[in-house]
Amino acid sequence: MTQKEAFMQKPIRTAATAVAGLAMALALTGAGAVVTVATATDAAASETGAQGWDVSGSFDTQQECVAAGDAGVVAGSWAQYRCVLFEARWDLMTPA
């Protein structure tokens, strides 16, 4: 394989990895959870809490965030939640 061919395959592998990651994230979410991957414009909102949403916790993994969100739903603390990926951490967002 030439260097040019190897260079051209990298974006394809990157896109395939991103699609696989998104599919896994959707498959792992619990009932009622919304998983959102933060963009540059979402970053500031996540840091201070999006309008109408509070940051109720920050977790190392999506699974930890979803478990905490589901526990809050069961306990009646909130009816819905979002797990938002922000700076390699999962922020648990709950209605304000």
C-alpha atoms as a PDB file:
ATOM      1  CA  MET A   1       0.000   0.000   0.000  1.00  0.00           C
ATOM      2  CA  THR A   2       1.325   3.399  -0.919  1.00  0.00           C
ATOM      3  CA  GLN A   3       1.506   6.296   1.493  1.00  0.00           C
ATOM      4  CA  LYS A   4      -1.265   8.067  -0.432  1.00  0.00           C
ATOM      5  CA  GLU A   5      -3.575   5.035  -0.163  1.00  0.00           C
ATOM      6  CA  ALA A   6      -2.899   4.767   3.564  1.00  0.00           C
ATOM      7  CA  PHE A   7      -3.631   8.486   3.965  1.00  0.00           C
ATOM      8  CA  MET A   8      -6.966   8.105   2.132  1.00  0.00           C
ATOM      9  CA  GLN A   9      -8.064   5.163   4.314  1.00  0.00           C
ATOM     10  CA  LYS A  10      -7.629   7.028   7.609  1.00  0.00           C
ATOM     11  CA  PRO A  11     -10.761   9.236   7.201  1.00  0.00           C
ATOM     12  CA  ILE A  12     -12.771   6.157   6.253  1.00  0.00           C
ATOM     13  CA  ARG A  13     -11.614   4.284   9.375  1.00  0.00           C
ATOM     14  CA  THR A  14     -12.297   7.351  11.512  1.00  0.00           C
ATOM     15  CA  ALA A  15     -15.847   7.710  10.163  1.00  0.00           C
ATOM     16  CA  ALA A  16     -16.510   3.998  10.624  1.00  0.00           C
ATOM     17  CA  THR A  17     -15.300   4.186  14.224  1.00  0.00           C
ATOM     18  CA  ALA A  18     -17.521   7.197  14.920  1.00  0.00           C
ATOM     19  CA  VAL A  19     -20.579   5.437  13.466  1.00  0.00           C
ATOM     20  CA  ALA A  20     -19.840   2.302  15.487  1.00  0.00           C
ATOM     21  CA  GLY A  21     -19.457   4.381  18.655  1.00  0.00           C
ATOM     22  CA  LEU A  22     -22.758   6.148  18.068  1.00  0.00           C
ATOM     23  CA  ALA A  23     -24.505   2.822  17.455  1.00  0.00           C
ATOM     24  CA  MET A  24     -23.080   1.454  20.711  1.00  0.00           C
ATOM     25  CA  ALA A  25     -24.161   4.566  22.605  1.00  0.00           C
ATOM     26  CA  LEU A  26     -27.704   4.241  21.292  1.00  0.00           C
ATOM     27  CA  ALA A  27     -27.812   0.525  22.099  1.00  0.00           C
ATOM     28  CA  LEU A  28     -26.595   1.071  25.684  1.00  0.00           C
ATOM     29  CA  THR A  29     -29.003   3.830  26.660  1.00  0.00           C
ATOM     30  CA  GLY A  30     -31.730   2.989  29.131  1.00  0.00           C
ATOM     31  CA  ALA A  31     -35.401   3.750  28.691  1.00  0.00           C
ATOM     32  CA  GLY A  32     -36.056   7.467  28.898  1.00  0.00           C
ATOM     33  CA  ALA A  33     -32.410   8.421  28.473  1.00  0.00           C
ATOM     34  CA  VAL A  34     -31.249  10.741  25.765  1.00  0.00           C
ATOM     35  CA  VAL A  35     -27.601  10.530  24.825  1.00  0.00           C
ATOM     36  CA  THR A  36     -26.211  13.644  23.224  1.00  0.00           C
ATOM     37  CA  VAL A  37     -22.663  14.087  22.012  1.00  0.00           C
ATOM     38  CA  ALA A  38     -21.634  17.663  22.745  1.00  0.00           C
ATOM     39  CA  THR A  39     -20.442  19.910  19.948  1.00  0.00           C
ATOM     40  CA  ALA A  40     -18.298  23.002  20.296  1.00  0.00           C
ATOM     41  CA  THR A  41     -21.418  25.164  20.719  1.00  0.00           C
ATOM     42  CA  ASP A  42     -22.850  22.754  23.302  1.00  0.00           C
ATOM     43  CA  ALA A  43     -19.658  22.865  25.357  1.00  0.00           C
ATOM     44  CA  ALA A  44     -20.379  26.179  27.064  1.00  0.00           C
ATOM     45  CA  ALA A  45     -23.986  25.169  27.699  1.00  0.00           C
ATOM     46  CA  SER A  46     -22.888  21.894  29.287  1.00  0.00           C
ATOM     47  CA  GLU A  47     -20.314  23.616  31.466  1.00  0.00           C
ATOM     48  CA  THR A  48     -22.870  25.970  32.996  1.00  0.00           C
ATOM     49  CA  GLY A  49     -25.995  23.907  32.392  1.00  0.00           C
ATOM     50  CA  ALA A  50     -28.180  24.262  29.318  1.00  0.00           C
ATOM     51  CA  GLN A  51     -31.158  26.563  29.666  1.00  0.00           C
ATOM     52  CA  GLY A  52     -33.799  24.620  31.560  1.00  0.00           C
ATOM     53  CA  TRP A  53     -31.340  21.866  32.547  1.00  0.00           C
ATOM     54  CA  ASP A  54     -29.024  21.436  35.535  1.00  0.00           C
ATOM     55  CA  VAL A  55     -25.842  19.375  35.734  1.00  0.00           C
ATOM     56  CA  SER A  56     -26.650  16.798  38.409  1.00  0.00           C
ATOM     57  CA  GLY A  57     -23.461  14.768  38.180  1.00  0.00           C
ATOM     58  CA  SER A  58     -20.404  13.965  36.110  1.00  0.00           C
ATOM     59  CA  PHE A  59     -19.258  10.417  35.345  1.00  0.00           C
ATOM     60  CA  ASP A  60     -16.332   8.603  33.760  1.00  0.00           C
ATOM     61  CA  THR A  61     -18.529   6.354  31.601  1.00  0.00           C
ATOM     62  CA  GLN A  62     -21.838   6.612  29.826  1.00  0.00           C
ATOM     63  CA  GLN A  63     -23.054   3.518  31.674  1.00  0.00           C
ATOM     64  CA  GLU A  64     -22.477   5.207  35.051  1.00  0.00           C
ATOM     65  CA  CYS A  65     -24.356   8.287  33.875  1.00  0.00           C
ATOM     66  CA  VAL A  66     -27.303   6.254  32.565  1.00  0.00           C
ATOM     67  CA  ALA A  67     -27.445   4.205  35.781  1.00  0.00           C
ATOM     68  CA  ALA A  68     -27.547   7.394  37.872  1.00  0.00           C
ATOM     69  CA  GLY A  69     -30.179   8.904  35.578  1.00  0.00           C
ATOM     70  CA  ASP A  70     -32.335   5.769  35.730  1.00  0.00           C
ATOM     71  CA  ALA A  71     -31.988   5.684  39.537  1.00  0.00           C
ATOM     72  CA  GLY A  72     -33.233   9.280  39.696  1.00  0.00           C
ATOM     73  CA  VAL A  73     -36.239   8.401  37.527  1.00  0.00           C
ATOM     74  CA  VAL A  74     -37.088   5.415  39.762  1.00  0.00           C
ATOM     75  CA  ALA A  75     -36.675   7.546  42.910  1.00  0.00           C
ATOM     76  CA  GLY A  76     -38.935  10.233  41.447  1.00  0.00           C
ATOM     77  CA  SER A  77     -36.223  12.878  41.492  1.00  0.00           C
ATOM     78  CA  TRP A  78     -36.814  13.652  37.803  1.00  0.00           C
ATOM     79  CA  ALA A  79     -38.940  12.312  34.960  1.00  0.00           C
ATOM     80  CA  GLN A  80     -36.270  12.569  32.279  1.00  0.00           C
ATOM     81  CA  TYR A  81     -32.577  13.163  31.918  1.00  0.00           C
ATOM     82  CA  ARG A  82     -29.779  13.506  29.383  1.00  0.00           C
ATOM     83  CA  CYS A  83     -26.253  12.151  29.438  1.00  0.00           C
ATOM     84  CA  VAL A  84     -24.033  14.612  27.579  1.00  0.00           C
ATOM     85  CA  LEU A  85     -20.436  13.851  26.616  1.00  0.00           C
ATOM     86  CA  PHE A  86     -18.317  16.869  27.517  1.00  0.00           C
ATOM     87  CA  GLU A  87     -14.527  16.951  27.744  1.00  0.00           C
ATOM     88  CA  ALA A  88     -14.201  13.155  28.120  1.00  0.00           C
ATOM     89  CA  ARG A  89     -16.779  13.082  30.969  1.00  0.00           C
ATOM     90  CA  TRP A  90     -20.492  12.252  30.896  1.00  0.00           C
ATOM     91  CA  ASP A  91     -22.591  15.011  32.461  1.00  0.00           C
ATOM     92  CA  LEU A  92     -25.988  13.992  33.859  1.00  0.00           C
ATOM     93  CA  MET A  93     -28.403  16.751  32.875  1.00  0.00           C
ATOM     94  CA  THR A  94     -31.781  16.958  34.622  1.00  0.00           C
ATOM     95  CA  PRO A  95     -34.647  19.417  34.206  1.00  0.00           C
ATOM     96  CA  ALA A  96     -34.175  22.628  36.204  1.00  0.00           C
END
